[in-house]
Amino acid sequence: TPEALRLLCHYEWPGNVRELKNLVKRLVILRPGDLIGERDVDGALRTFAPELRFDSRTLAEVEKDYISQVMRRCGGRLGGADGAAKVLGIPRSTLQHKLKKLGLDPREFRMKGNYGT
């Protein structure tokens, strides 16, 4: 329907044309009948890309959460082959700056007996 086409045209596709193509294929296969309506497209977009739903956190909050997760996973290690900087793909000095800026103390993430930095 024209409404369904309008939704597809106004959707901000974060990936490439393949995403649009896959969604249209899914709609054609799963939709009984000859017409794909606005409701069909809206529902498909919601299930097709749930990770694109709005997140009300600020970029700093998201960054802080992610860096905290990585720091925990790395046992508080900043550098080295298995350190957080390597996992994040940034220089150790950049990570140190971000930790300070975000108010994160690397010592909080260290496991007992792990004293490496």
PDB file of N, CA and C in Angstrom:
ATOM      1  N   THR A   1       0.846  -1.183   0.000  1.00  0.00           N
ATOM      2  CA  THR A   1       0.000   0.000   0.000  1.00  0.00           C
ATOM      3  C   THR A   1       0.887   1.241   0.000  1.00  0.00           C
ATOM      4  N   PRO A   2       0.344   2.382  -0.385  1.00  0.00           N
ATOM      5  CA  PRO A   2       1.133   3.617  -0.360  1.00  0.00           C
ATOM      6  C   PRO A   2       1.657   3.957   1.041  1.00  0.00           C
ATOM      7  N   GLU A   3       0.859   3.659   2.061  1.00  0.00           N
ATOM      8  CA  GLU A   3       1.280   3.948   3.436  1.00  0.00           C
ATOM      9  C   GLU A   3       2.488   3.096   3.829  1.00  0.00           C
ATOM     10  N   ALA A   4       2.458   1.827   3.423  1.00  0.00           N
ATOM     11  CA  ALA A   4       3.574   0.923   3.717  1.00  0.00           C
ATOM     12  C   ALA A   4       4.842   1.399   3.011  1.00  0.00           C
ATOM     13  N   LEU A   5       4.694   1.810   1.765  1.00  0.00           N
ATOM     14  CA  LEU A   5       5.827   2.322   1.006  1.00  0.00           C
ATOM     15  C   LEU A   5       6.392   3.582   1.656  1.00  0.00           C
ATOM     16  N   ARG A   6       5.504   4.445   2.134  1.00  0.00           N
ATOM     17  CA  ARG A   6       5.938   5.677   2.808  1.00  0.00           C
ATOM     18  C   ARG A   6       6.787   5.344   4.037  1.00  0.00           C
ATOM     19  N   LEU A   7       6.345   4.365   4.832  1.00  0.00           N
ATOM     20  CA  LEU A   7       7.110   3.965   6.021  1.00  0.00           C
ATOM     21  C   LEU A   7       8.498   3.453   5.642  1.00  0.00           C
ATOM     22  N   LEU A   8       8.553   2.620   4.619  1.00  0.00           N
ATOM     23  CA  LEU A   8       9.841   2.084   4.180  1.00  0.00           C
ATOM     24  C   LEU A   8      10.767   3.187   3.675  1.00  0.00           C
ATOM     25  N   CYS A   9      10.199   4.147   2.967  1.00  0.00           N
ATOM     26  CA  CYS A   9      11.004   5.241   2.408  1.00  0.00           C
ATOM     27  C   CYS A   9      11.506   6.205   3.479  1.00  0.00           C
ATOM     28  N   HIS A  10      10.734   6.384   4.535  1.00  0.00           N
ATOM     29  CA  HIS A  10      11.112   7.344   5.574  1.00  0.00           C
ATOM     30  C   HIS A  10      11.909   6.728   6.716  1.00  0.00           C
ATOM     31  N   TYR A  11      12.057   5.410   6.693  1.00  0.00           N
ATOM     32  CA  TYR A  11      12.837   4.752   7.736  1.00  0.00           C
ATOM     33  C   TYR A  11      14.311   5.048   7.503  1.00  0.00           C
ATOM     34  N   GLU A  12      15.030   5.406   8.560  1.00  0.00           N
ATOM     35  CA  GLU A  12      16.462   5.695   8.437  1.00  0.00           C
ATOM     36  C   GLU A  12      17.232   4.383   8.539  1.00  0.00           C
ATOM     37  N   TRP A  13      17.555   3.813   7.393  1.00  0.00           N
ATOM     38  CA  TRP A  13      18.240   2.523   7.352  1.00  0.00           C
ATOM     39  C   TRP A  13      19.681   2.697   7.786  1.00  0.00           C
ATOM     40  N   PRO A  14      20.052   2.135   8.936  1.00  0.00           N
ATOM     41  CA  PRO A  14      21.408   2.322   9.440  1.00  0.00           C
ATOM     42  C   PRO A  14      22.442   1.481   8.701  1.00  0.00           C
ATOM     43  N   GLY A  15      22.013   0.445   8.056  1.00  0.00           N
ATOM     44  CA  GLY A  15      22.938  -0.452   7.367  1.00  0.00           C
ATOM     45  C   GLY A  15      22.953  -0.187   5.885  1.00  0.00           C
ATOM     46  N   ASN A  16      22.825  -1.240   5.122  1.00  0.00           N
ATOM     47  CA  ASN A  16      22.878  -1.095   3.676  1.00  0.00           C
ATOM     48  C   ASN A  16      21.575  -1.565   3.045  1.00  0.00           C
ATOM     49  N   VAL A  17      21.557  -1.605   1.738  1.00  0.00           N
ATOM     50  CA  VAL A  17      20.362  -1.985   0.986  1.00  0.00           C
ATOM     51  C   VAL A  17      19.947  -3.424   1.297  1.00  0.00           C
ATOM     52  N   ARG A  18      20.897  -4.250   1.683  1.00  0.00           N
ATOM     53  CA  ARG A  18      20.594  -5.643   2.012  1.00  0.00           C
ATOM     54  C   ARG A  18      19.554  -5.734   3.134  1.00  0.00           C
ATOM     55  N   GLU A  19      19.613  -4.832   4.114  1.00  0.00           N
ATOM     56  CA  GLU A  19      18.627  -4.836   5.200  1.00  0.00           C
ATOM     57  C   GLU A  19      17.222  -4.581   4.670  1.00  0.00           C
ATOM     58  N   LEU A  20      17.103  -3.606   3.781  1.00  0.00           N
ATOM     59  CA  LEU A  20      15.809  -3.301   3.175  1.00  0.00           C
ATOM     60  C   LEU A  20      15.311  -4.505   2.373  1.00  0.00           C
ATOM     61  N   LYS A  21      16.193  -5.082   1.583  1.00  0.00           N
ATOM     62  CA  LYS A  21      15.836  -6.236   0.757  1.00  0.00           C
ATOM     63  C   LYS A  21      15.362  -7.407   1.623  1.00  0.00           C
ATOM     64  N   ASN A  22      16.075  -7.684   2.709  1.00  0.00           N
ATOM     65  CA  ASN A  22      15.691  -8.779   3.607  1.00  0.00           C
ATOM     66  C   ASN A  22      14.341  -8.526   4.260  1.00  0.00           C
ATOM     67  N   LEU A  23      14.087  -7.288   4.640  1.00  0.00           N
ATOM     68  CA  LEU A  23      12.808  -6.957   5.266  1.00  0.00           C
ATOM     69  C   LEU A  23      11.659  -7.137   4.275  1.00  0.00           C
ATOM     70  N   VAL A  24      11.845  -6.674   3.057  1.00  0.00           N
ATOM     71  CA  VAL A  24      10.793  -6.809   2.040  1.00  0.00           C
ATOM     72  C   VAL A  24      10.540  -8.290   1.746  1.00  0.00           C
ATOM     73  N   LYS A  25      11.597  -9.086   1.644  1.00  0.00           N
ATOM     74  CA  LYS A  25      11.425 -10.530   1.427  1.00  0.00           C
ATOM     75  C   LYS A  25      10.625 -11.148   2.564  1.00  0.00           C
ATOM     76  N   ARG A  26      10.969 -10.775   3.783  1.00  0.00           N
ATOM     77  CA  ARG A  26      10.261 -11.305   4.950  1.00  0.00           C
ATOM     78  C   ARG A  26       8.783 -10.929   4.900  1.00  0.00           C
ATOM     79  N   LEU A  27       8.500  -9.687   4.543  1.00  0.00           N
ATOM     80  CA  LEU A  27       7.107  -9.240   4.454  1.00  0.00           C
ATOM     81  C   LEU A  27       6.337 -10.028   3.393  1.00  0.00           C
ATOM     82  N   VAL A  28       6.952 -10.235   2.246  1.00  0.00           N
ATOM     83  CA  VAL A  28       6.289 -10.953   1.153  1.00  0.00           C
ATOM     84  C   VAL A  28       6.023 -12.404   1.541  1.00  0.00           C
ATOM     85  N   ILE A  29       6.979 -13.026   2.194  1.00  0.00           N
ATOM     86  CA  ILE A  29       6.836 -14.437   2.566  1.00  0.00           C
ATOM     87  C   ILE A  29       5.824 -14.624   3.690  1.00  0.00           C
ATOM     88  N   LEU A  30       5.901 -13.789   4.708  1.00  0.00           N
ATOM     89  CA  LEU A  30       5.083 -13.993   5.899  1.00  0.00           C
ATOM     90  C   LEU A  30       3.689 -13.381   5.836  1.00  0.00           C
ATOM     91  N   ARG A  31       3.484 -12.441   4.954  1.00  0.00           N
ATOM     92  CA  ARG A  31       2.196 -11.734   4.900  1.00  0.00           C
ATOM     93  C   ARG A  31       1.208 -12.497   4.030  1.00  0.00           C
ATOM     94  N   PRO A  32       0.104 -12.955   4.620  1.00  0.00           N
ATOM     95  CA  PRO A  32      -0.928 -13.585   3.789  1.00  0.00           C
ATOM     96  C   PRO A  32      -1.662 -12.516   2.981  1.00  0.00           C
ATOM     97  N   GLY A  33      -2.044 -12.842   1.805  1.00  0.00           N
ATOM     98  CA  GLY A  33      -2.775 -11.886   0.979  1.00  0.00           C
ATOM     99  C   GLY A  33      -1.871 -11.178  -0.002  1.00  0.00           C
ATOM    100  N   ASP A  34      -2.482 -10.267  -0.749  1.00  0.00           N
ATOM    101  CA  ASP A  34      -1.770  -9.584  -1.826  1.00  0.00           C
ATOM    102  C   ASP A  34      -1.175  -8.242  -1.428  1.00  0.00           C
ATOM    103  N   LEU A  35      -1.686  -7.630  -0.363  1.00  0.00           N
ATOM    104  CA  LEU A  35      -1.237  -6.291   0.011  1.00  0.00           C
ATOM    105  C   LEU A  35      -0.448  -6.290   1.314  1.00  0.00           C
ATOM    106  N   ILE A  36       0.601  -5.496   1.321  1.00  0.00           N
ATOM    107  CA  ILE A  36       1.372  -5.267   2.545  1.00  0.00           C
ATOM    108  C   ILE A  36       1.000  -3.873   3.023  1.00  0.00           C
ATOM    109  N   GLY A  37       0.459  -3.802   4.214  1.00  0.00           N
ATOM    110  CA  GLY A  37      -0.024  -2.533   4.740  1.00  0.00           C
ATOM    111  C   GLY A  37       0.945  -1.870   5.702  1.00  0.00           C
ATOM    112  N   GLU A  38       0.560  -0.680   6.113  1.00  0.00           N
ATOM    113  CA  GLU A  38       1.370   0.112   7.039  1.00  0.00           C
ATOM    114  C   GLU A  38       1.610  -0.645   8.346  1.00  0.00           C
ATOM    115  N   ARG A  39       0.581  -1.297   8.847  1.00  0.00           N
ATOM    116  CA  ARG A  39       0.693  -2.056  10.098  1.00  0.00           C
ATOM    117  C   ARG A  39       1.709  -3.203   9.953  1.00  0.00           C
ATOM    118  N   ASP A  40       1.714  -3.846   8.790  1.00  0.00           N
ATOM    119  CA  ASP A  40       2.662  -4.936   8.539  1.00  0.00           C
ATOM    120  C   ASP A  40       4.108  -4.429   8.577  1.00  0.00           C
ATOM    121  N   VAL A  41       4.332  -3.318   7.886  1.00  0.00           N
ATOM    122  CA  VAL A  41       5.680  -2.751   7.823  1.00  0.00           C
ATOM    123  C   VAL A  41       6.118  -2.274   9.203  1.00  0.00           C
ATOM    124  N   ASP A  42       5.228  -1.592   9.901  1.00  0.00           N
ATOM    125  CA  ASP A  42       5.560  -1.088  11.232  1.00  0.00           C
ATOM    126  C   ASP A  42       5.946  -2.239  12.163  1.00  0.00           C
ATOM    127  N   GLY A  43       5.155  -3.300  12.159  1.00  0.00           N
ATOM    128  CA  GLY A  43       5.460  -4.462  12.992  1.00  0.00           C
ATOM    129  C   GLY A  43       6.769  -5.124  12.612  1.00  0.00           C
ATOM    130  N   ALA A  44       7.006  -5.235  11.319  1.00  0.00           N
ATOM    131  CA  ALA A  44       8.239  -5.864  10.845  1.00  0.00           C
ATOM    132  C   ALA A  44       9.461  -5.034  11.219  1.00  0.00           C
ATOM    133  N   LEU A  45       9.347  -3.717  11.123  1.00  0.00           N
ATOM    134  CA  LEU A  45      10.466  -2.850  11.493  1.00  0.00           C
ATOM    135  C   LEU A  45      10.794  -2.989  12.976  1.00  0.00           C
ATOM    136  N   ARG A  46       9.777  -3.136  13.793  1.00  0.00           N
ATOM    137  CA  ARG A  46      10.006  -3.277  15.245  1.00  0.00           C
ATOM    138  C   ARG A  46      10.720  -4.581  15.578  1.00  0.00           C
ATOM    139  N   THR A  47      10.366  -5.661  14.905  1.00  0.00           N
ATOM    140  CA  THR A  47      11.015  -6.945  15.191  1.00  0.00           C
ATOM    141  C   THR A  47      12.301  -7.116  14.405  1.00  0.00           C
ATOM    142  N   PHE A  48      12.398  -6.432  13.274  1.00  0.00           N
ATOM    143  CA  PHE A  48      13.568  -6.564  12.412  1.00  0.00           C
ATOM    144  C   PHE A  48      14.797  -5.927  13.042  1.00  0.00           C
ATOM    145  N   ALA A  49      14.616  -4.802  13.711  1.00  0.00           N
ATOM    146  CA  ALA A  49      15.753  -4.071  14.267  1.00  0.00           C
ATOM    147  C   ALA A  49      15.479  -3.616  15.694  1.00  0.00           C
ATOM    148  N   PRO A  50      15.278  -4.555  16.628  1.00  0.00           N
ATOM    149  CA  PRO A  50      14.992  -4.136  17.998  1.00  0.00           C
ATOM    150  C   PRO A  50      16.150  -3.392  18.641  1.00  0.00           C
ATOM    151  N   GLU A  51      17.379  -3.649  18.173  1.00  0.00           N
ATOM    152  CA  GLU A  51      18.525  -2.971  18.759  1.00  0.00           C
ATOM    153  C   GLU A  51      18.570  -1.493  18.403  1.00  0.00           C
ATOM    154  N   LEU A  52      17.740  -1.061  17.470  1.00  0.00           N
ATOM    155  CA  LEU A  52      17.733   0.336  17.063  1.00  0.00           C
ATOM    156  C   LEU A  52      16.728   1.168  17.851  1.00  0.00           C
ATOM    157  N   ARG A  53      16.072   0.548  18.801  1.00  0.00           N
ATOM    158  CA  ARG A  53      15.116   1.301  19.601  1.00  0.00           C
ATOM    159  C   ARG A  53      15.829   2.401  20.366  1.00  0.00           C
ATOM    160  N   PHE A  54      15.107   3.444  20.634  1.00  0.00           N
ATOM    161  CA  PHE A  54      15.656   4.623  21.282  1.00  0.00           C
ATOM    162  C   PHE A  54      16.175   4.301  22.673  1.00  0.00           C
ATOM    163  N   ASP A  55      17.329   4.802  22.984  1.00  0.00           N
ATOM    164  CA  ASP A  55      17.933   4.665  24.304  1.00  0.00           C
ATOM    165  C   ASP A  55      18.061   6.070  24.866  1.00  0.00           C
ATOM    166  N   SER A  56      17.483   6.308  26.025  1.00  0.00           N
ATOM    167  CA  SER A  56      17.439   7.665  26.566  1.00  0.00           C
ATOM    168  C   SER A  56      18.724   8.065  27.280  1.00  0.00           C
ATOM    169  N   ARG A  57      19.691   7.145  27.373  1.00  0.00           N
ATOM    170  CA  ARG A  57      20.941   7.497  28.041  1.00  0.00           C
ATOM    171  C   ARG A  57      21.782   8.411  27.153  1.00  0.00           C
ATOM    172  N   THR A  58      22.633   9.203  27.797  1.00  0.00           N
ATOM    173  CA  THR A  58      23.545  10.058  27.045  1.00  0.00           C
ATOM    174  C   THR A  58      24.707   9.219  26.528  1.00  0.00           C
ATOM    175  N   LEU A  59      25.451   9.778  25.599  1.00  0.00           N
ATOM    176  CA  LEU A  59      26.613   9.082  25.060  1.00  0.00           C
ATOM    177  C   LEU A  59      27.619   8.803  26.174  1.00  0.00           C
ATOM    178  N   ALA A  60      27.812   9.756  27.082  1.00  0.00           N
ATOM    179  CA  ALA A  60      28.743   9.562  28.196  1.00  0.00           C
ATOM    180  C   ALA A  60      28.300   8.401  29.085  1.00  0.00           C
ATOM    181  N   GLU A  61      26.999   8.265  29.312  1.00  0.00           N
ATOM    182  CA  GLU A  61      26.486   7.164  30.135  1.00  0.00           C
ATOM    183  C   GLU A  61      26.702   5.817  29.451  1.00  0.00           C
ATOM    184  N   VAL A  62      26.438   5.780  28.151  1.00  0.00           N
ATOM    185  CA  VAL A  62      26.637   4.540  27.392  1.00  0.00           C
ATOM    186  C   VAL A  62      28.120   4.174  27.391  1.00  0.00           C
ATOM    187  N   GLU A  63      28.969   5.171  27.159  1.00  0.00           N
ATOM    188  CA  GLU A  63      30.414   4.941  27.140  1.00  0.00           C
ATOM    189  C   GLU A  63      30.897   4.443  28.508  1.00  0.00           C
ATOM    190  N   LYS A  64      30.412   5.070  29.569  1.00  0.00           N
ATOM    191  CA  LYS A  64      30.806   4.672  30.925  1.00  0.00           C
ATOM    192  C   LYS A  64      30.385   3.231  31.207  1.00  0.00           C
ATOM    193  N   ASP A  65      29.168   2.874  30.846  1.00  0.00           N
ATOM    194  CA  ASP A  65      28.685   1.509  31.054  1.00  0.00           C
ATOM    195  C   ASP A  65      29.525   0.501  30.277  1.00  0.00           C
ATOM    196  N   TYR A  66      29.813   0.825  29.019  1.00  0.00           N
ATOM    197  CA  TYR A  66      30.564  -0.113  28.182  1.00  0.00           C
ATOM    198  C   TYR A  66      32.000  -0.273  28.683  1.00  0.00           C
ATOM    199  N   ILE A  67      32.648   0.837  28.995  1.00  0.00           N
ATOM    200  CA  ILE A  67      34.020   0.764  29.506  1.00  0.00           C
ATOM    201  C   ILE A  67      34.045  -0.002  30.828  1.00  0.00           C
ATOM    202  N   SER A  68      33.044   0.201  31.671  1.00  0.00           N
ATOM    203  CA  SER A  68      32.962  -0.536  32.940  1.00  0.00           C
ATOM    204  C   SER A  68      32.857  -2.037  32.690  1.00  0.00           C
ATOM    205  N   GLN A  69      32.033  -2.428  31.727  1.00  0.00           N
ATOM    206  CA  GLN A  69      31.888  -3.852  31.393  1.00  0.00           C
ATOM    207  C   GLN A  69      33.218  -4.441  30.931  1.00  0.00           C
ATOM    208  N   VAL A  70      33.902  -3.705  30.062  1.00  0.00           N
ATOM    209  CA  VAL A  70      35.182  -4.184  29.542  1.00  0.00           C
ATOM    210  C   VAL A  70      36.212  -4.252  30.668  1.00  0.00           C
ATOM    211  N   MET A  71      36.234  -3.245  31.522  1.00  0.00           N
ATOM    212  CA  MET A  71      37.184  -3.240  32.640  1.00  0.00           C
ATOM    213  C   MET A  71      36.938  -4.434  33.564  1.00  0.00           C
ATOM    214  N   ARG A  72      35.688  -4.734  33.839  1.00  0.00           N
ATOM    215  CA  ARG A  72      35.363  -5.901  34.678  1.00  0.00           C
ATOM    216  C   ARG A  72      35.844  -7.190  34.010  1.00  0.00           C
ATOM    217  N   ARG A  73      35.550  -7.287  32.727  1.00  0.00           N
ATOM    218  CA  ARG A  73      35.937  -8.486  31.979  1.00  0.00           C
ATOM    219  C   ARG A  73      37.456  -8.673  31.957  1.00  0.00           C
ATOM    220  N   CYS A  74      38.178  -7.564  31.956  1.00  0.00           N
ATOM    221  CA  CYS A  74      39.643  -7.617  31.907  1.00  0.00           C
ATOM    222  C   CYS A  74      40.266  -7.586  33.301  1.00  0.00           C
ATOM    223  N   GLY A  75      39.453  -7.664  34.328  1.00  0.00           N
ATOM    224  CA  GLY A  75      39.969  -7.683  35.695  1.00  0.00           C
ATOM    225  C   GLY A  75      40.688  -6.407  36.086  1.00  0.00           C
ATOM    226  N   GLY A  76      40.325  -5.297  35.476  1.00  0.00           N
ATOM    227  CA  GLY A  76      40.934  -4.015  35.806  1.00  0.00           C
ATOM    228  C   GLY A  76      42.240  -3.739  35.082  1.00  0.00           C
ATOM    229  N   ARG A  77      42.694  -4.663  34.244  1.00  0.00           N
ATOM    230  CA  ARG A  77      43.945  -4.449  33.503  1.00  0.00           C
ATOM    231  C   ARG A  77      43.714  -3.433  32.388  1.00  0.00           C
ATOM    232  N   LEU A  78      44.573  -2.432  32.349  1.00  0.00           N
ATOM    233  CA  LEU A  78      44.454  -1.402  31.313  1.00  0.00           C
ATOM    234  C   LEU A  78      45.190  -1.803  30.045  1.00  0.00           C
ATOM    235  N   GLY A  79      46.462  -2.201  30.202  1.00  0.00           N
ATOM    236  CA  GLY A  79      47.298  -2.488  29.047  1.00  0.00           C
ATOM    237  C   GLY A  79      47.614  -3.955  28.897  1.00  0.00           C
ATOM    238  N   GLY A  80      48.439  -4.235  27.908  1.00  0.00           N
ATOM    239  CA  GLY A  80      48.839  -5.611  27.643  1.00  0.00           C
ATOM    240  C   GLY A  80      47.918  -6.277  26.639  1.00  0.00           C
ATOM    241  N   ALA A  81      48.287  -7.489  26.287  1.00  0.00           N
ATOM    242  CA  ALA A  81      47.543  -8.226  25.261  1.00  0.00           C
ATOM    243  C   ALA A  81      46.106  -8.512  25.655  1.00  0.00           C
ATOM    244  N   ASP A  82      45.851  -8.639  26.953  1.00  0.00           N
ATOM    245  CA  ASP A  82      44.488  -8.929  27.405  1.00  0.00           C
ATOM    246  C   ASP A  82      43.910  -7.784  28.238  1.00  0.00           C
ATOM    247  N   GLY A  83      44.435  -6.596  28.031  1.00  0.00           N
ATOM    248  CA  GLY A  83      43.959  -5.426  28.763  1.00  0.00           C
ATOM    249  C   GLY A  83      42.778  -4.746  28.086  1.00  0.00           C
ATOM    250  N   ALA A  84      42.129  -3.877  28.841  1.00  0.00           N
ATOM    251  CA  ALA A  84      40.930  -3.193  28.357  1.00  0.00           C
ATOM    252  C   ALA A  84      41.213  -2.305  27.142  1.00  0.00           C
ATOM    253  N   ALA A  85      42.365  -1.655  27.116  1.00  0.00           N
ATOM    254  CA  ALA A  85      42.684  -0.780  25.980  1.00  0.00           C
ATOM    255  C   ALA A  85      42.713  -1.579  24.681  1.00  0.00           C
ATOM    256  N   LYS A  86      43.282  -2.762  24.738  1.00  0.00           N
ATOM    257  CA  LYS A  86      43.351  -3.627  23.547  1.00  0.00           C
ATOM    258  C   LYS A  86      41.945  -4.039  23.104  1.00  0.00           C
ATOM    259  N   VAL A  87      41.113  -4.439  24.072  1.00  0.00           N
ATOM    260  CA  VAL A  87      39.739  -4.849  23.764  1.00  0.00           C
ATOM    261  C   VAL A  87      38.960  -3.692  23.151  1.00  0.00           C
ATOM    262  N   LEU A  88      39.152  -2.493  23.693  1.00  0.00           N
ATOM    263  CA  LEU A  88      38.432  -1.313  23.205  1.00  0.00           C
ATOM    264  C   LEU A  88      39.015  -0.762  21.907  1.00  0.00           C
ATOM    265  N   GLY A  89      40.236  -1.180  21.574  1.00  0.00           N
ATOM    266  CA  GLY A  89      40.866  -0.702  20.343  1.00  0.00           C
ATOM    267  C   GLY A  89      41.359   0.728  20.440  1.00  0.00           C
ATOM    268  N   ILE A  90      41.771   1.126  21.652  1.00  0.00           N
ATOM    269  CA  ILE A  90      42.276   2.485  21.860  1.00  0.00           C
ATOM    270  C   ILE A  90      43.604   2.408  22.607  1.00  0.00           C
ATOM    271  N   PRO A  91      44.445   3.450  22.487  1.00  0.00           N
ATOM    272  CA  PRO A  91      45.694   3.459  23.251  1.00  0.00           C
ATOM    273  C   PRO A  91      45.410   3.490  24.759  1.00  0.00           C
ATOM    274  N   ARG A  92      46.343   2.938  25.507  1.00  0.00           N
ATOM    275  CA  ARG A  92      46.193   2.906  26.967  1.00  0.00           C
ATOM    276  C   ARG A  92      46.027   4.316  27.530  1.00  0.00           C
ATOM    277  N   SER A  93      46.775   5.272  26.991  1.00  0.00           N
ATOM    278  CA  SER A  93      46.687   6.651  27.490  1.00  0.00           C
ATOM    279  C   SER A  93      45.292   7.233  27.265  1.00  0.00           C
ATOM    280  N   THR A  94      44.669   6.880  26.158  1.00  0.00           N
ATOM    281  CA  THR A  94      43.300   7.340  25.884  1.00  0.00           C
ATOM    282  C   THR A  94      42.335   6.724  26.883  1.00  0.00           C
ATOM    283  N   LEU A  95      42.519   5.442  27.172  1.00  0.00           N
ATOM    284  CA  LEU A  95      41.665   4.784  28.160  1.00  0.00           C
ATOM    285  C   LEU A  95      41.831   5.435  29.529  1.00  0.00           C
ATOM    286  N   GLN A  96      43.067   5.723  29.911  1.00  0.00           N
ATOM    287  CA  GLN A  96      43.302   6.373  31.205  1.00  0.00           C
ATOM    288  C   GLN A  96      42.590   7.727  31.262  1.00  0.00           C
ATOM    289  N   HIS A  97      42.659   8.475  30.176  1.00  0.00           N
ATOM    290  CA  HIS A  97      41.984   9.775  30.115  1.00  0.00           C
ATOM    291  C   HIS A  97      40.470   9.602  30.243  1.00  0.00           C
ATOM    292  N   LYS A  98      39.916   8.631  29.528  1.00  0.00           N
ATOM    293  CA  LYS A  98      38.469   8.390  29.579  1.00  0.00           C
ATOM    294  C   LYS A  98      38.031   7.953  30.976  1.00  0.00           C
ATOM    295  N   LEU A  99      38.811   7.086  31.607  1.00  0.00           N
ATOM    296  CA  LEU A  99      38.473   6.638  32.959  1.00  0.00           C
ATOM    297  C   LEU A  99      38.396   7.827  33.913  1.00  0.00           C
ATOM    298  N   LYS A 100      39.380   8.707  33.814  1.00  0.00           N
ATOM    299  CA  LYS A 100      39.406   9.893  34.681  1.00  0.00           C
ATOM    300  C   LYS A 100      38.212  10.795  34.385  1.00  0.00           C
ATOM    301  N   LYS A 101      37.963  11.038  33.108  1.00  0.00           N
ATOM    302  CA  LYS A 101      36.863  11.910  32.688  1.00  0.00           C
ATOM    303  C   LYS A 101      35.505  11.356  33.134  1.00  0.00           C
ATOM    304  N   LEU A 102      35.353  10.033  33.097  1.00  0.00           N
ATOM    305  CA  LEU A 102      34.084   9.400  33.454  1.00  0.00           C
ATOM    306  C   LEU A 102      33.979   9.077  34.943  1.00  0.00           C
ATOM    307  N   GLY A 103      35.031   9.396  35.689  1.00  0.00           N
ATOM    308  CA  GLY A 103      35.007   9.152  37.132  1.00  0.00           C
ATOM    309  C   GLY A 103      35.122   7.685  37.506  1.00  0.00           C
ATOM    310  N   LEU A 104      35.841   6.923  36.700  1.00  0.00           N
ATOM    311  CA  LEU A 104      36.018   5.491  36.958  1.00  0.00           C
ATOM    312  C   LEU A 104      37.423   5.228  37.487  1.00  0.00           C
ATOM    313  N   ASP A 105      37.527   4.443  38.539  1.00  0.00           N
ATOM    314  CA  ASP A 105      38.809   4.082  39.136  1.00  0.00           C
ATOM    315  C   ASP A 105      39.138   2.645  38.737  1.00  0.00           C
ATOM    316  N   PRO A 106      40.238   2.443  38.011  1.00  0.00           N
ATOM    317  CA  PRO A 106      40.590   1.095  37.560  1.00  0.00           C
ATOM    318  C   PRO A 106      40.707   0.094  38.708  1.00  0.00           C
ATOM    319  N   ARG A 107      41.082   0.559  39.890  1.00  0.00           N
ATOM    320  CA  ARG A 107      41.243  -0.341  41.040  1.00  0.00           C
ATOM    321  C   ARG A 107      39.927  -1.005  41.421  1.00  0.00           C
ATOM    322  N   GLU A 108      38.813  -0.335  41.122  1.00  0.00           N
ATOM    323  CA  GLU A 108      37.502  -0.903  41.455  1.00  0.00           C
ATOM    324  C   GLU A 108      37.200  -2.173  40.654  1.00  0.00           C
ATOM    325  N   PHE A 109      37.882  -2.336  39.542  1.00  0.00           N
ATOM    326  CA  PHE A 109      37.600  -3.461  38.652  1.00  0.00           C
ATOM    327  C   PHE A 109      38.586  -4.614  38.813  1.00  0.00           C
ATOM    328  N   ARG A 110      39.600  -4.408  39.642  1.00  0.00           N
ATOM    329  CA  ARG A 110      40.621  -5.443  39.810  1.00  0.00           C
ATOM    330  C   ARG A 110      40.101  -6.587  40.653  1.00  0.00           C
ATOM    331  N   MET A 111      40.442  -7.767  40.213  1.00  0.00           N
ATOM    332  CA  MET A 111      40.092  -8.953  40.988  1.00  0.00           C
ATOM    333  C   MET A 111      41.128  -9.124  42.087  1.00  0.00           C
ATOM    334  N   LYS A 112      40.736  -9.741  43.168  1.00  0.00           N
ATOM    335  CA  LYS A 112      41.637  -9.972  44.288  1.00  0.00           C
ATOM    336  C   LYS A 112      42.886 -10.699  43.800  1.00  0.00           C
ATOM    337  N   GLY A 113      44.046 -10.149  44.143  1.00  0.00           N
ATOM    338  CA  GLY A 113      45.298 -10.780  43.745  1.00  0.00           C
ATOM    339  C   GLY A 113      45.807 -10.336  42.386  1.00  0.00           C
ATOM    340  N   ASN A 114      45.055  -9.484  41.677  1.00  0.00           N
ATOM    341  CA  ASN A 114      45.476  -9.007  40.358  1.00  0.00           C
ATOM    342  C   ASN A 114      45.934  -7.566  40.503  1.00  0.00           C
ATOM    343  N   TYR A 115      47.242  -7.353  40.453  1.00  0.00           N
ATOM    344  CA  TYR A 115      47.767  -6.004  40.687  1.00  0.00           C
ATOM    345  C   TYR A 115      48.342  -5.374  39.434  1.00  0.00           C
ATOM    346  N   GLY A 116      48.176  -5.983  38.287  1.00  0.00           N
ATOM    347  CA  GLY A 116      48.712  -5.429  37.045  1.00  0.00           C
ATOM    348  C   GLY A 116      47.917  -4.235  36.582  1.00  0.00           C
ATOM    349  N   THR A 117      48.583  -3.320  35.900  1.00  0.00           N
ATOM    350  CA  THR A 117      47.902  -2.166  35.331  1.00  0.00           C
ATOM    351  C   THR A 117      48.090  -2.235  33.852  1.00  0.00           C
TER     352      THR A 117
END
